[in-house]
PDB file of N, CA and C in Angstrom:
ATOM      1  N   MET A   1       2.515 -76.694  40.107  1.00  0.00           N
ATOM      2  CA  MET A   1       2.785 -77.166  38.972  1.00  0.00           C
ATOM      3  C   MET A   1       1.798 -77.474  37.825  1.00  0.00           C
ATOM      4  N   TRP A   2       1.752 -77.104  36.888  1.00  0.00           N
ATOM      5  CA  TRP A   2       0.782 -77.608  35.945  1.00  0.00           C
ATOM      6  C   TRP A   2       0.552 -79.344  35.728  1.00  0.00           C
ATOM      7  N   GLN A   3      -1.084 -79.280  36.283  1.00  0.00           N
ATOM      8  CA  GLN A   3      -1.538 -81.009  36.311  1.00  0.00           C
ATOM      9  C   GLN A   3      -1.963 -81.422  35.133  1.00  0.00           C
ATOM     10  N   HIS A   4      -1.960 -82.371  34.821  1.00  0.00           N
ATOM     11  CA  HIS A   4      -2.100 -83.197  33.795  1.00  0.00           C
ATOM     12  C   HIS A   4      -3.750 -83.773  33.383  1.00  0.00           C
ATOM     13  N   TRP A   5      -4.579 -83.973  32.667  1.00  0.00           N
ATOM     14  CA  TRP A   5      -5.944 -84.330  32.531  1.00  0.00           C
ATOM     15  C   TRP A   5      -6.245 -84.397  30.966  1.00  0.00           C
ATOM     16  N   PRO A   6      -6.922 -85.477  30.658  1.00  0.00           N
ATOM     17  CA  PRO A   6      -7.017 -85.889  29.530  1.00  0.00           C
ATOM     18  C   PRO A   6      -8.355 -84.328  28.839  1.00  0.00           C
ATOM     19  N   VAL A   7      -7.757 -83.943  28.002  1.00  0.00           N
ATOM     20  CA  VAL A   7      -8.332 -82.911  27.086  1.00  0.00           C
ATOM     21  C   VAL A   7      -8.799 -83.502  25.693  1.00  0.00           C
ATOM     22  N   LYS A   8      -9.878 -82.716  25.299  1.00  0.00           N
ATOM     23  CA  LYS A   8     -10.175 -82.943  23.798  1.00  0.00           C
ATOM     24  C   LYS A   8     -10.083 -81.767  23.063  1.00  0.00           C
ATOM     25  N   PHE A   9      -9.116 -81.508  22.135  1.00  0.00           N
ATOM     26  CA  PHE A   9      -8.905 -80.011  21.466  1.00  0.00           C
ATOM     27  C   PHE A   9     -10.167 -80.207  20.315  1.00  0.00           C
ATOM     28  N   GLN A  10     -10.623 -78.968  20.386  1.00  0.00           N
ATOM     29  CA  GLN A  10     -11.656 -78.480  19.182  1.00  0.00           C
ATOM     30  C   GLN A  10     -10.819 -77.776  18.020  1.00  0.00           C
ATOM     31  N   SER A  11      -9.705 -76.920  18.582  1.00  0.00           N
ATOM     32  CA  SER A  11      -8.920 -76.504  17.525  1.00  0.00           C
ATOM     33  C   SER A  11      -7.434 -75.655  17.953  1.00  0.00           C
ATOM     34  N   LEU A  12      -6.753 -75.376  17.393  1.00  0.00           N
ATOM     35  CA  LEU A  12      -5.627 -74.445  17.870  1.00  0.00           C
ATOM     36  C   LEU A  12      -5.911 -73.523  19.031  1.00  0.00           C
ATOM     37  N   GLN A  13      -7.036 -72.741  19.087  1.00  0.00           N
ATOM     38  CA  GLN A  13      -7.119 -71.898  20.226  1.00  0.00           C
ATOM     39  C   GLN A  13      -6.999 -72.773  21.353  1.00  0.00           C
ATOM     40  N   ASP A  14      -7.164 -73.812  21.676  1.00  0.00           N
ATOM     41  CA  ASP A  14      -7.528 -74.467  22.753  1.00  0.00           C
ATOM     42  C   ASP A  14      -6.078 -74.677  23.101  1.00  0.00           C
ATOM     43  N   LEU A  15      -5.017 -75.080  22.250  1.00  0.00           N
ATOM     44  CA  LEU A  15      -3.721 -75.567  22.618  1.00  0.00           C
ATOM     45  C   LEU A  15      -3.400 -73.995  22.965  1.00  0.00           C
ATOM     46  N   LYS A  16      -3.105 -72.749  22.520  1.00  0.00           N
ATOM     47  CA  LYS A  16      -2.767 -71.574  23.070  1.00  0.00           C
ATOM     48  C   LYS A  16      -3.393 -71.359  24.747  1.00  0.00           C
ATOM     49  N   HIS A  17      -5.030 -71.825  25.083  1.00  0.00           N
ATOM     50  CA  HIS A  17      -5.001 -71.765  26.074  1.00  0.00           C
ATOM     51  C   HIS A  17      -4.177 -72.627  27.356  1.00  0.00           C
ATOM     52  N   ILE A  18      -3.751 -73.887  27.061  1.00  0.00           N
ATOM     53  CA  ILE A  18      -3.191 -74.947  27.564  1.00  0.00           C
ATOM     54  C   ILE A  18      -1.913 -74.195  27.395  1.00  0.00           C
ATOM     55  N   GLN A  19      -1.069 -73.747  26.319  1.00  0.00           N
ATOM     56  CA  GLN A  19       0.346 -73.168  26.587  1.00  0.00           C
ATOM     57  C   GLN A  19       0.288 -71.877  27.499  1.00  0.00           C
ATOM     58  N   LYS A  20      -0.718 -71.088  27.740  1.00  0.00           N
ATOM     59  CA  LYS A  20      -0.806 -70.040  28.313  1.00  0.00           C
ATOM     60  C   LYS A  20      -0.665 -70.770  29.880  1.00  0.00           C
ATOM     61  N   GLN A  21      -1.250 -71.494  30.202  1.00  0.00           N
ATOM     62  CA  GLN A  21      -1.553 -72.323  31.650  1.00  0.00           C
ATOM     63  C   GLN A  21       0.060 -73.068  31.961  1.00  0.00           C
ATOM     64  N   ILE A  22       0.429 -73.467  31.214  1.00  0.00           N
ATOM     65  CA  ILE A  22       2.049 -73.753  31.512  1.00  0.00           C
ATOM     66  C   ILE A  22       2.700 -72.820  31.515  1.00  0.00           C
ATOM     67  N   ALA A  23       2.963 -71.696  30.820  1.00  0.00           N
ATOM     68  CA  ALA A  23       4.007 -70.601  31.130  1.00  0.00           C
ATOM     69  C   ALA A  23       3.396 -69.826  32.576  1.00  0.00           C
ATOM     70  N   GLU A  24       1.950 -69.692  32.805  1.00  0.00           N
ATOM     71  CA  GLU A  24       1.675 -69.385  33.897  1.00  0.00           C
ATOM     72  C   GLU A  24       2.311 -70.344  35.178  1.00  0.00           C
ATOM     73  N   ALA A  25       2.049 -71.400  35.127  1.00  0.00           N
ATOM     74  CA  ALA A  25       2.823 -72.318  35.653  1.00  0.00           C
ATOM     75  C   ALA A  25       4.572 -72.200  35.919  1.00  0.00           C
ATOM     76  N   GLN A  26       5.042 -72.215  34.795  1.00  0.00           N
ATOM     77  CA  GLN A  26       6.509 -72.104  35.058  1.00  0.00           C
ATOM     78  C   GLN A  26       6.895 -70.261  35.388  1.00  0.00           C
ATOM     79  N   ALA A  27       6.233 -69.642  35.107  1.00  0.00           N
ATOM     80  CA  ALA A  27       6.356 -68.505  35.875  1.00  0.00           C
ATOM     81  C   ALA A  27       6.396 -68.514  37.429  1.00  0.00           C
ATOM     82  N   LYS A  28       5.345 -69.417  37.742  1.00  0.00           N
ATOM     83  CA  LYS A  28       4.977 -68.992  39.153  1.00  0.00           C
ATOM     84  C   LYS A  28       6.005 -69.627  39.932  1.00  0.00           C
ATOM     85  N   ALA A  29       6.766 -71.030  39.300  1.00  0.00           N
ATOM     86  CA  ALA A  29       7.400 -71.724  40.028  1.00  0.00           C
ATOM     87  C   ALA A  29       9.141 -71.215  39.922  1.00  0.00           C
ATOM     88  N   ALA A  30       9.266 -70.383  38.917  1.00  0.00           N
ATOM     89  CA  ALA A  30      10.620 -69.581  38.789  1.00  0.00           C
ATOM     90  C   ALA A  30      10.543 -68.322  39.958  1.00  0.00           C
ATOM     91  N   ALA A  31       9.313 -67.832  40.379  1.00  0.00           N
ATOM     92  CA  ALA A  31       8.989 -66.627  41.092  1.00  0.00           C
ATOM     93  C   ALA A  31       9.044 -67.405  42.618  1.00  0.00           C
ATOM     94  N   GLU A  32       9.173 -68.714  42.632  1.00  0.00           N
ATOM     95  CA  GLU A  32       9.204 -69.246  44.175  1.00  0.00           C
ATOM     96  C   GLU A  32      10.334 -69.670  44.300  1.00  0.00           C
ATOM     97  N   ALA A  33      11.394 -70.076  43.473  1.00  0.00           N
ATOM     98  CA  ALA A  33      12.525 -70.555  43.180  1.00  0.00           C
ATOM     99  C   ALA A  33      13.613 -69.280  43.488  1.00  0.00           C
ATOM    100  N   ALA A  34      13.112 -68.214  42.955  1.00  0.00           N
ATOM    101  CA  ALA A  34      13.794 -66.607  42.827  1.00  0.00           C
ATOM    102  C   ALA A  34      13.921 -66.413  44.643  1.00  0.00           C
ATOM    103  N   ALA A  35      12.452 -66.593  45.216  1.00  0.00           N
ATOM    104  CA  ALA A  35      12.454 -66.092  46.620  1.00  0.00           C
ATOM    105  C   ALA A  35      12.854 -66.890  47.316  1.00  0.00           C
ATOM    106  N   HIS A  36      12.938 -68.317  47.189  1.00  0.00           N
ATOM    107  CA  HIS A  36      13.624 -68.964  48.363  1.00  0.00           C
ATOM    108  C   HIS A  36      15.236 -68.827  48.127  1.00  0.00           C
ATOM    109  N   ALA A  37      15.717 -68.532  47.166  1.00  0.00           N
ATOM    110  CA  ALA A  37      17.037 -68.287  46.656  1.00  0.00           C
ATOM    111  C   ALA A  37      17.237 -66.848  47.524  1.00  0.00           C
ATOM    112  N   ALA A  38      16.543 -66.096  47.326  1.00  0.00           N
ATOM    113  CA  ALA A  38      16.757 -64.563  48.018  1.00  0.00           C
ATOM    114  C   ALA A  38      16.785 -64.663  49.863  1.00  0.00           C
ATOM    115  N   ALA A  39      15.654 -65.662  50.215  1.00  0.00           N
ATOM    116  CA  ALA A  39      15.485 -65.922  51.360  1.00  0.00           C
ATOM    117  C   ALA A  39      16.969 -66.697  51.986  1.00  0.00           C
ATOM    118  N   LEU A  40      17.490 -67.748  51.179  1.00  0.00           N
ATOM    119  CA  LEU A  40      18.600 -68.312  51.439  1.00  0.00           C
ATOM    120  C   LEU A  40      19.894 -67.528  51.707  1.00  0.00           C
ATOM    121  N   LYS A  41      20.159 -66.628  50.499  1.00  0.00           N
ATOM    122  CA  LYS A  41      20.876 -65.267  50.623  1.00  0.00           C
ATOM    123  C   LYS A  41      20.837 -64.727  51.755  1.00  0.00           C
ATOM    124  N   LYS A  42      19.556 -63.862  52.219  1.00  0.00           N
ATOM    125  CA  LYS A  42      19.683 -63.196  53.055  1.00  0.00           C
ATOM    126  C   LYS A  42      19.744 -63.937  54.441  1.00  0.00           C
ATOM    127  N   ALA A  43      19.647 -65.158  54.585  1.00  0.00           N
ATOM    128  CA  ALA A  43      19.998 -65.841  56.129  1.00  0.00           C
ATOM    129  C   ALA A  43      21.181 -65.865  55.952  1.00  0.00           C
ATOM    130  N   GLU A  44      22.077 -66.477  54.843  1.00  0.00           N
ATOM    131  CA  GLU A  44      23.725 -66.467  54.953  1.00  0.00           C
ATOM    132  C   GLU A  44      24.318 -65.300  55.328  1.00  0.00           C
ATOM    133  N   ALA A  45      24.012 -64.156  54.570  1.00  0.00           N
ATOM    134  CA  ALA A  45      24.309 -62.784  55.067  1.00  0.00           C
ATOM    135  C   ALA A  45      24.220 -62.533  56.408  1.00  0.00           C
ATOM    136  N   GLU A  46      22.786 -62.882  57.116  1.00  0.00           N
ATOM    137  CA  GLU A  46      22.962 -62.592  58.367  1.00  0.00           C
ATOM    138  C   GLU A  46      23.877 -63.617  59.281  1.00  0.00           C
ATOM    139  N   ARG A  47      24.153 -64.711  59.050  1.00  0.00           N
ATOM    140  CA  ARG A  47      24.943 -65.473  59.941  1.00  0.00           C
ATOM    141  C   ARG A  47      26.459 -64.772  59.431  1.00  0.00           C
ATOM    142  N   ASN A  48      26.765 -64.278  58.588  1.00  0.00           N
ATOM    143  CA  ASN A  48      28.075 -63.816  58.582  1.00  0.00           C
ATOM    144  C   ASN A  48      28.315 -61.943  58.578  1.00  0.00           C
ATOM    145  N   LEU A  49      27.660 -61.613  59.206  1.00  0.00           N
ATOM    146  CA  LEU A  49      27.185 -60.030  59.122  1.00  0.00           C
ATOM    147  C   LEU A  49      28.195 -59.683  60.125  1.00  0.00           C
ATOM    148  N   PHE A  50      28.722 -60.690  61.683  1.00  0.00           N
ATOM    149  CA  PHE A  50      29.789 -60.730  62.239  1.00  0.00           C
ATOM    150  C   PHE A  50      31.215 -60.408  61.740  1.00  0.00           C
ATOM    151  N   THR A  51      31.344 -61.407  60.972  1.00  0.00           N
ATOM    152  CA  THR A  51      32.717 -61.301  59.868  1.00  0.00           C
ATOM    153  C   THR A  51      32.764 -60.462  59.262  1.00  0.00           C
ATOM    154  N   ARG A  52      31.701 -59.853  58.638  1.00  0.00           N
ATOM    155  CA  ARG A  52      31.760 -59.027  57.838  1.00  0.00           C
ATOM    156  C   ARG A  52      32.074 -57.553  58.190  1.00  0.00           C
ATOM    157  N   ALA A  53      31.558 -57.751  59.435  1.00  0.00           N
ATOM    158  CA  ALA A  53      31.730 -56.422  60.348  1.00  0.00           C
ATOM    159  C   ALA A  53      32.851 -56.197  60.666  1.00  0.00           C
ATOM    160  N   ILE A  54      33.788 -56.967  61.446  1.00  0.00           N
ATOM    161  CA  ILE A  54      34.577 -56.935  62.166  1.00  0.00           C
ATOM    162  C   ILE A  54      36.187 -57.975  61.329  1.00  0.00           C
ATOM    163  N   GLY A  55      35.610 -58.330  60.731  1.00  0.00           N
ATOM    164  CA  GLY A  55      36.768 -59.101  59.728  1.00  0.00           C
ATOM    165  C   GLY A  55      37.155 -60.531  60.464  1.00  0.00           C
ATOM    166  N   LYS A  56      37.962 -60.901  59.588  1.00  0.00           N
ATOM    167  CA  LYS A  56      38.410 -62.411  60.066  1.00  0.00           C
ATOM    168  C   LYS A  56      38.661 -62.516  61.851  1.00  0.00           C
ATOM    169  N   VAL A  57      38.424 -62.889  62.377  1.00  0.00           N
ATOM    170  CA  VAL A  57      38.683 -63.501  64.027  1.00  0.00           C
ATOM    171  C   VAL A  57      38.858 -64.450  64.108  1.00  0.00           C
ATOM    172  N   ALA A  58      39.684 -65.022  65.389  1.00  0.00           N
ATOM    173  CA  ALA A  58      39.508 -66.230  65.719  1.00  0.00           C
ATOM    174  C   ALA A  58      39.688 -66.306  66.931  1.00  0.00           C
ATOM    175  N   PRO A  59      38.980 -67.717  67.107  1.00  0.00           N
ATOM    176  CA  PRO A  59      38.413 -67.760  68.882  1.00  0.00           C
ATOM    177  C   PRO A  59      39.997 -67.836  69.851  1.00  0.00           C
ATOM    178  N   LEU A  60      39.426 -67.466  70.886  1.00  0.00           N
ATOM    179  CA  LEU A  60      40.563 -67.519  72.049  1.00  0.00           C
ATOM    180  C   LEU A  60      40.892 -68.799  72.414  1.00  0.00           C
ATOM    181  N   PRO A  61      42.060 -69.213  72.614  1.00  0.00           N
ATOM    182  CA  PRO A  61      42.342 -70.385  73.475  1.00  0.00           C
ATOM    183  C   PRO A  61      42.046 -70.759  74.598  1.00  0.00           C
ATOM    184  N   VAL A  62      41.492 -72.009  74.707  1.00  0.00           N
ATOM    185  CA  VAL A  62      40.837 -72.555  75.989  1.00  0.00           C
ATOM    186  C   VAL A  62      42.031 -73.178  76.941  1.00  0.00           C
ATOM    187  N   HIS A  63      42.568 -72.457  77.775  1.00  0.00           N
ATOM    188  CA  HIS A  63      43.290 -72.855  78.894  1.00  0.00           C
ATOM    189  C   HIS A  63      42.706 -73.118  80.416  1.00  0.00           C
ATOM    190  N   ASN A  64      43.360 -73.809  80.935  1.00  0.00           N
ATOM    191  CA  ASN A  64      42.793 -73.858  82.449  1.00  0.00           C
ATOM    192  C   ASN A  64      41.395 -73.844  83.048  1.00  0.00           C
ATOM    193  N   LYS A  65      41.067 -74.823  82.193  1.00  0.00           N
ATOM    194  CA  LYS A  65      39.259 -75.022  82.409  1.00  0.00           C
ATOM    195  C   LYS A  65      39.184 -76.095  83.848  1.00  0.00           C
ATOM    196  N   ALA A  66      38.495 -75.367  84.142  1.00  0.00           N
ATOM    197  CA  ALA A  66      37.904 -76.198  85.677  1.00  0.00           C
ATOM    198  C   ALA A  66      37.218 -77.680  85.160  1.00  0.00           C
ATOM    199  N   HIS A  67      37.684 -78.781  85.761  1.00  0.00           N
ATOM    200  CA  HIS A  67      36.944 -80.259  85.761  1.00  0.00           C
ATOM    201  C   HIS A  67      35.866 -80.283  86.491  1.00  0.00           C
ATOM    202  N   LEU A  68      34.596 -79.697  85.775  1.00  0.00           N
ATOM    203  CA  LEU A  68      33.535 -80.138  86.944  1.00  0.00           C
ATOM    204  C   LEU A  68      32.986 -81.328  86.930  1.00  0.00           C
ATOM    205  N   PRO A  69      32.468 -82.053  88.018  1.00  0.00           N
ATOM    206  CA  PRO A  69      31.829 -83.253  88.102  1.00  0.00           C
ATOM    207  C   PRO A  69      30.633 -83.672  87.170  1.00  0.00           C
ATOM    208  N   LYS A  70      30.382 -84.393  86.232  1.00  0.00           N
ATOM    209  CA  LYS A  70      29.655 -84.840  85.356  1.00  0.00           C
ATOM    210  C   LYS A  70      28.019 -84.463  86.129  1.00  0.00           C
ATOM    211  N   ALA A  71      28.051 -85.246  87.286  1.00  0.00           N
ATOM    212  CA  ALA A  71      26.634 -85.347  88.017  1.00  0.00           C
ATOM    213  C   ALA A  71      26.666 -84.874  89.124  1.00  0.00           C
ATOM    214  N   PRO A  72      25.665 -83.815  89.454  1.00  0.00           N
ATOM    215  CA  PRO A  72      25.890 -82.982  90.401  1.00  0.00           C
ATOM    216  C   PRO A  72      25.609 -84.009  91.752  1.00  0.00           C
ATOM    217  N   ARG A  73      25.884 -83.791  93.159  1.00  0.00           N
ATOM    218  CA  ARG A  73      25.622 -84.315  94.069  1.00  0.00           C
ATOM    219  C   ARG A  73      24.246 -84.317  94.203  1.00  0.00           C
ATOM    220  N   ALA A  74      23.648 -85.245  95.044  1.00  0.00           N
ATOM    221  CA  ALA A  74      22.024 -85.369  95.336  1.00  0.00           C
ATOM    222  C   ALA A  74      22.344 -84.376  96.615  1.00  0.00           C
ATOM    223  N   PRO A  75      20.953 -83.614  96.381  1.00  0.00           N
ATOM    224  CA  PRO A  75      20.758 -82.601  97.445  1.00  0.00           C
ATOM    225  C   PRO A  75      20.005 -83.350  98.919  1.00  0.00           C
ATOM    226  N   VAL A  76      20.672 -82.555  99.668  1.00  0.00           N
ATOM    227  CA  VAL A  76      20.510 -83.144 101.447  1.00  0.00           C
ATOM    228  C   VAL A  76      19.753 -82.367 102.152  1.00  0.00           C
ATOM    229  N   ALA A  77      18.306 -82.978 102.335  1.00  0.00           N
ATOM    230  CA  ALA A  77      17.322 -81.981 103.185  1.00  0.00           C
ATOM    231  C   ALA A  77      18.283 -81.906 104.792  1.00  0.00           C
ATOM    232  N   THR A  78      19.008 -80.779 104.846  1.00  0.00           N
ATOM    233  CA  THR A  78      19.466 -80.928 106.588  1.00  0.00           C
ATOM    234  C   THR A  78      18.521 -80.204 107.392  1.00  0.00           C
ATOM    235  N   GLN A  79      17.857 -79.144 106.783  1.00  0.00           N
ATOM    236  CA  GLN A  79      16.681 -78.657 107.578  1.00  0.00           C
ATOM    237  C   GLN A  79      15.332 -79.354 107.755  1.00  0.00           C
ATOM    238  N   LEU A  80      15.563 -79.950 107.099  1.00  0.00           N
ATOM    239  CA  LEU A  80      14.338 -81.121 107.074  1.00  0.00           C
ATOM    240  C   LEU A  80      14.585 -82.093 108.562  1.00  0.00           C
ATOM    241  N   LYS A  81      15.683 -82.699 108.531  1.00  0.00           N
ATOM    242  CA  LYS A  81      16.223 -83.567 109.561  1.00  0.00           C
ATOM    243  C   LYS A  81      16.586 -82.897 110.862  1.00  0.00           C
ATOM    244  N   LYS A  82      16.815 -81.547 110.876  1.00  0.00           N
ATOM    245  CA  LYS A  82      17.234 -81.089 111.773  1.00  0.00           C
ATOM    246  C   LYS A  82      15.588 -80.843 112.506  1.00  0.00           C
ATOM    247  N   ASP A  83      14.817 -80.431 111.897  1.00  0.00           N
ATOM    248  CA  ASP A  83      13.298 -80.513 112.332  1.00  0.00           C
ATOM    249  C   ASP A  83      12.991 -81.449 113.072  1.00  0.00           C
ATOM    250  N   GLU A  84      12.970 -82.519 112.390  1.00  0.00           N
ATOM    251  CA  GLU A  84      12.117 -84.158 112.429  1.00  0.00           C
ATOM    252  C   GLU A  84      13.095 -84.256 114.030  1.00  0.00           C
ATOM    253  N   ALA A  85      14.473 -83.884 113.945  1.00  0.00           N
ATOM    254  CA  ALA A  85      14.968 -84.170 115.025  1.00  0.00           C
ATOM    255  C   ALA A  85      14.578 -83.344 116.323  1.00  0.00           C
ATOM    256  N   GLN A  86      13.928 -82.073 116.440  1.00  0.00           N
ATOM    257  CA  GLN A  86      13.846 -81.304 117.370  1.00  0.00           C
ATOM    258  C   GLN A  86      11.971 -81.988 117.436  1.00  0.00           C
ATOM    259  N   VAL A  87      11.522 -82.362 116.621  1.00  0.00           N
ATOM    260  CA  VAL A  87      10.073 -83.018 116.834  1.00  0.00           C
ATOM    261  C   VAL A  87      10.040 -84.134 117.744  1.00  0.00           C
ATOM    262  N   ILE A  88      10.928 -85.267 117.212  1.00  0.00           N
ATOM    263  CA  ILE A  88      10.983 -85.875 118.193  1.00  0.00           C
ATOM    264  C   ILE A  88      11.481 -85.653 119.477  1.00  0.00           C
ATOM    265  N   GLN A  89      12.606 -84.872 119.816  1.00  0.00           N
ATOM    266  CA  GLN A  89      12.971 -84.337 121.430  1.00  0.00           C
ATOM    267  C   GLN A  89      11.954 -83.716 121.779  1.00  0.00           C
ATOM    268  N   ASP A  90      11.293 -83.166 121.237  1.00  0.00           N
ATOM    269  CA  ASP A  90      10.143 -82.117 121.787  1.00  0.00           C
ATOM    270  C   ASP A  90       8.932 -82.957 122.176  1.00  0.00           C
ATOM    271  N   SER A  91       8.515 -84.243 121.340  1.00  0.00           N
ATOM    272  CA  SER A  91       7.608 -85.122 121.953  1.00  0.00           C
ATOM    273  C   SER A  91       7.914 -86.048 123.051  1.00  0.00           C
ATOM    274  N   LEU A  92       9.650 -86.504 123.320  1.00  0.00           N
ATOM    275  CA  LEU A  92       9.946 -87.307 124.477  1.00  0.00           C
ATOM    276  C   LEU A  92      10.091 -86.432 125.690  1.00  0.00           C
ATOM    277  N   SER A  93      10.342 -85.137 125.549  1.00  0.00           N
ATOM    278  CA  SER A  93      10.217 -84.583 126.945  1.00  0.00           C
ATOM    279  C   SER A  93       8.810 -83.905 127.237  1.00  0.00           C
ATOM    280  N   ASP A  94       8.846 -83.831 128.699  1.00  0.00           N
ATOM    281  CA  ASP A  94       7.359 -83.610 129.051  1.00  0.00           C
ATOM    282  C   ASP A  94       7.799 -81.989 130.031  1.00  0.00           C
ATOM    283  N   GLU A  95       9.126 -81.470 129.398  1.00  0.00           N
ATOM    284  CA  GLU A  95       9.391 -80.374 130.063  1.00  0.00           C
ATOM    285  C   GLU A  95       9.371 -80.176 131.497  1.00  0.00           C
ATOM    286  N   PHE A  96      10.185 -81.312 132.193  1.00  0.00           N
ATOM    287  CA  PHE A  96       9.860 -81.192 133.435  1.00  0.00           C
ATOM    288  C   PHE A  96      11.510 -81.639 134.188  1.00  0.00           C
ATOM    289  N   ASP A  97      11.655 -80.578 134.791  1.00  0.00           N
ATOM    290  CA  ASP A  97      13.419 -80.402 134.963  1.00  0.00           C
ATOM    291  C   ASP A  97      13.717 -80.176 136.078  1.00  0.00           C
ATOM    292  N   VAL A  98      14.891 -79.864 136.513  1.00  0.00           N
ATOM    293  CA  VAL A  98      15.244 -79.745 138.099  1.00  0.00           C
ATOM    294  C   VAL A  98      14.679 -78.017 138.358  1.00  0.00           C
ATOM    295  N   SER A  99      14.770 -77.232 137.730  1.00  0.00           N
ATOM    296  CA  SER A  99      14.378 -75.962 138.223  1.00  0.00           C
ATOM    297  C   SER A  99      12.884 -75.857 138.162  1.00  0.00           C
ATOM    298  N   THR A 100      11.980 -77.052 138.121  1.00  0.00           N
ATOM    299  CA  THR A 100      10.550 -76.470 138.397  1.00  0.00           C
ATOM    300  C   THR A 100      10.380 -77.687 139.590  1.00  0.00           C
ATOM    301  N   LEU A 101      11.203 -78.384 140.187  1.00  0.00           N
ATOM    302  CA  LEU A 101      11.431 -78.918 141.210  1.00  0.00           C
ATOM    303  C   LEU A 101      11.628 -77.839 142.510  1.00  0.00           C
ATOM    304  N   LEU A 102      12.794 -76.819 142.374  1.00  0.00           N
ATOM    305  CA  LEU A 102      13.268 -75.906 143.029  1.00  0.00           C
ATOM    306  C   LEU A 102      11.918 -74.757 143.309  1.00  0.00           C
ATOM    307  N   ASP A 103      11.210 -74.257 142.366  1.00  0.00           N
ATOM    308  CA  ASP A 103      10.391 -73.197 142.340  1.00  0.00           C
ATOM    309  C   ASP A 103       9.022 -73.825 142.521  1.00  0.00           C
ATOM    310  N   THR A 104       9.017 -73.845 143.955  1.00  0.00           N
ATOM    311  CA  THR A 104       7.772 -74.228 144.598  1.00  0.00           C
ATOM    312  C   THR A 104       6.405 -73.230 145.280  1.00  0.00           C
ATOM    313  N   ASP A 105       5.497 -73.407 145.472  1.00  0.00           N
ATOM    314  CA  ASP A 105       4.731 -71.918 146.398  1.00  0.00           C
ATOM    315  C   ASP A 105       4.537 -72.284 147.779  1.00  0.00           C
ATOM    316  N   GLU A 106       5.475 -73.002 148.134  1.00  0.00           N
ATOM    317  CA  GLU A 106       5.461 -73.103 149.851  1.00  0.00           C
ATOM    318  C   GLU A 106       5.695 -71.863 150.412  1.00  0.00           C
ATOM    319  N   ALA A 107       4.069 -71.574 151.209  1.00  0.00           N
ATOM    320  CA  ALA A 107       4.622 -69.947 151.874  1.00  0.00           C
ATOM    321  C   ALA A 107       4.996 -70.254 153.514  1.00  0.00           C
TER     322      ALA A 107
END
């Protein structure tokens, strides 16, 4: 928009210069408004493209919807628990069983 600042006029020619600046600012503002209106019109046309192409449509009725729980259950680290149990079992065992007593090298 045109900005106002103090100006001293010497003649009417100076007023014509100011009038020209005002006209240019108004033309620029009108062009920007027209471009904005055209962009809004284009966006609205793109939003309504399906309706214009197909016609009036109605959404399908929603029946028999599954009622899912709001919050999912917390995950359980099953494999980690199995691995830890196996580690404890292996650490307690010295791998000495009855079959090692039966296998002897006495000749």
